[in-house]
Amino acid sequence: DVFLGMCLQLIGVKPLRHQGFRTFGIPRPSAAPHLQTFDPCFYRELMVVHSLSVPQIWLMWNLLHDPKLSCHNQTDPKPRVFR
């Protein structure tokens, strides 16, 4: 993640902050933070997620690419200038 930012900086591209990069973890969307959610709509806008196992990643990939997936209450992350 940092390496990509360094490469972009080297070629003069100014990186923008994006809510999809959650390298320090993601807040759980429930009152029970010890529970893992497998709602694909929760992960839909994320680009980097740590702490999922390989089988969980495969499962989520398939769920996210299901043509029947319909997410409601969608919020678009707003990019901000990286400082």
C-alpha atoms as a PDB file:
ATOM      1  CA  ASP A   1       0.000   0.000   0.000  1.00  0.00           C
ATOM      2  CA  VAL A   2       2.749   2.424   0.958  1.00  0.00           C
ATOM      3  CA  PHE A   3       4.952   1.245  -1.918  1.00  0.00           C
ATOM      4  CA  LEU A   4       2.263   2.154  -4.454  1.00  0.00           C
ATOM      5  CA  GLY A   5       1.949   5.624  -2.921  1.00  0.00           C
ATOM      6  CA  MET A   6       5.715   6.090  -3.109  1.00  0.00           C
ATOM      7  CA  CYS A   7       5.737   5.060  -6.785  1.00  0.00           C
ATOM      8  CA  LEU A   8       2.918   7.493  -7.580  1.00  0.00           C
ATOM      9  CA  GLN A   9       4.764  10.267  -5.791  1.00  0.00           C
ATOM     10  CA  LEU A  10       7.923   9.516  -7.780  1.00  0.00           C
ATOM     11  CA  ILE A  11       6.094  10.019 -11.098  1.00  0.00           C
ATOM     12  CA  GLY A  12       4.365  13.167  -9.864  1.00  0.00           C
ATOM     13  CA  VAL A  13       0.883  11.794  -9.212  1.00  0.00           C
ATOM     14  CA  LYS A  14      -0.620  13.183  -6.021  1.00  0.00           C
ATOM     15  CA  PRO A  15      -2.383  10.377  -4.130  1.00  0.00           C
ATOM     16  CA  LEU A  16      -5.863  10.971  -2.763  1.00  0.00           C
ATOM     17  CA  ARG A  17      -7.203   9.549   0.452  1.00  0.00           C
ATOM     18  CA  HIS A  18      -9.812   6.884  -0.298  1.00  0.00           C
ATOM     19  CA  GLN A  19     -12.081   5.227   2.256  1.00  0.00           C
ATOM     20  CA  GLY A  20     -11.630   1.915   0.431  1.00  0.00           C
ATOM     21  CA  PHE A  21      -8.123   1.453   1.833  1.00  0.00           C
ATOM     22  CA  ARG A  22      -8.491   0.168   5.377  1.00  0.00           C
ATOM     23  CA  THR A  23      -5.066  -1.184   6.234  1.00  0.00           C
ATOM     24  CA  PHE A  24      -5.566  -0.639   9.955  1.00  0.00           C
ATOM     25  CA  GLY A  25      -8.797  -2.588  10.076  1.00  0.00           C
ATOM     26  CA  ILE A  26     -12.429  -1.891   9.479  1.00  0.00           C
ATOM     27  CA  PRO A  27     -15.157  -1.031  11.952  1.00  0.00           C
ATOM     28  CA  ARG A  28     -17.604  -3.857  12.432  1.00  0.00           C
ATOM     29  CA  PRO A  29     -21.157  -2.938  11.400  1.00  0.00           C
ATOM     30  CA  SER A  30     -22.730  -4.557  14.448  1.00  0.00           C
ATOM     31  CA  ALA A  31     -22.910  -4.153  18.198  1.00  0.00           C
ATOM     32  CA  ALA A  32     -20.774  -7.295  18.563  1.00  0.00           C
ATOM     33  CA  PRO A  33     -17.266  -6.350  17.366  1.00  0.00           C
ATOM     34  CA  HIS A  34     -16.017  -9.921  17.783  1.00  0.00           C
ATOM     35  CA  LEU A  35     -18.358 -11.133  15.005  1.00  0.00           C
ATOM     36  CA  GLN A  36     -17.226 -11.199  11.379  1.00  0.00           C
ATOM     37  CA  THR A  37     -19.727  -9.994   8.799  1.00  0.00           C
ATOM     38  CA  PHE A  38     -20.038 -11.637   5.419  1.00  0.00           C
ATOM     39  CA  ASP A  39     -22.415  -9.109   3.929  1.00  0.00           C
ATOM     40  CA  PRO A  40     -20.861  -8.421   0.510  1.00  0.00           C
ATOM     41  CA  CYS A  41     -22.391  -4.927   0.482  1.00  0.00           C
ATOM     42  CA  PHE A  42     -20.230  -4.094   3.497  1.00  0.00           C
ATOM     43  CA  TYR A  43     -17.053  -4.946   1.550  1.00  0.00           C
ATOM     44  CA  ARG A  44     -18.222  -3.644  -1.832  1.00  0.00           C
ATOM     45  CA  GLU A  45     -16.428  -0.275  -1.695  1.00  0.00           C
ATOM     46  CA  LEU A  46     -13.268  -1.521   0.026  1.00  0.00           C
ATOM     47  CA  MET A  47     -10.061  -2.040  -1.943  1.00  0.00           C
ATOM     48  CA  VAL A  48      -7.772  -3.356   0.769  1.00  0.00           C
ATOM     49  CA  VAL A  49      -8.952  -5.450   3.708  1.00  0.00           C
ATOM     50  CA  HIS A  50      -6.676  -7.222   6.150  1.00  0.00           C
ATOM     51  CA  SER A  51      -7.521 -10.107   8.504  1.00  0.00           C
ATOM     52  CA  LEU A  52      -9.528 -12.296   6.110  1.00  0.00           C
ATOM     53  CA  SER A  53      -8.320 -15.839   5.497  1.00  0.00           C
ATOM     54  CA  VAL A  54      -7.788 -17.164   1.961  1.00  0.00           C
ATOM     55  CA  PRO A  55     -11.077 -19.144   1.991  1.00  0.00           C
ATOM     56  CA  GLN A  56     -12.908 -16.036   3.246  1.00  0.00           C
ATOM     57  CA  ILE A  57     -11.382 -13.949   0.444  1.00  0.00           C
ATOM     58  CA  TRP A  58     -12.512 -16.482  -2.184  1.00  0.00           C
ATOM     59  CA  LEU A  59     -15.991 -16.562  -0.690  1.00  0.00           C
ATOM     60  CA  MET A  60     -16.253 -12.769  -0.611  1.00  0.00           C
ATOM     61  CA  TRP A  61     -14.928 -12.476  -4.192  1.00  0.00           C
ATOM     62  CA  ASN A  62     -17.671 -14.806  -5.412  1.00  0.00           C
ATOM     63  CA  LEU A  63     -20.361 -13.007  -3.414  1.00  0.00           C
ATOM     64  CA  LEU A  64     -19.245  -9.599  -4.701  1.00  0.00           C
ATOM     65  CA  HIS A  65     -19.276 -10.758  -8.318  1.00  0.00           C
ATOM     66  CA  ASP A  66     -22.732 -12.312  -8.126  1.00  0.00           C
ATOM     67  CA  PRO A  67     -24.793 -10.610 -10.873  1.00  0.00           C
ATOM     68  CA  LYS A  68     -27.843 -10.798  -8.585  1.00  0.00           C
ATOM     69  CA  LEU A  69     -26.151  -8.753  -5.828  1.00  0.00           C
ATOM     70  CA  SER A  70     -28.196  -5.680  -4.942  1.00  0.00           C
ATOM     71  CA  CYS A  71     -26.951  -3.280  -2.273  1.00  0.00           C
ATOM     72  CA  HIS A  72     -29.179  -0.627  -0.737  1.00  0.00           C
ATOM     73  CA  ASN A  73     -28.174   2.419   1.307  1.00  0.00           C
ATOM     74  CA  GLN A  74     -25.008   2.796  -0.720  1.00  0.00           C
ATOM     75  CA  THR A  75     -22.625   5.578   0.163  1.00  0.00           C
ATOM     76  CA  ASP A  76     -19.927   6.741  -2.196  1.00  0.00           C
ATOM     77  CA  PRO A  77     -16.594   7.390  -0.498  1.00  0.00           C
ATOM     78  CA  LYS A  78     -15.479  10.981  -1.009  1.00  0.00           C
ATOM     79  CA  PRO A  79     -11.799  11.283  -1.997  1.00  0.00           C
ATOM     80  CA  ARG A  80      -9.765  13.825  -0.068  1.00  0.00           C
ATOM     81  CA  VAL A  81      -6.325  15.215  -0.830  1.00  0.00           C
ATOM     82  CA  PHE A  82      -3.677  13.146   0.946  1.00  0.00           C
ATOM     83  CA  ARG A  83      -1.577  15.206   3.375  1.00  0.00           C
END
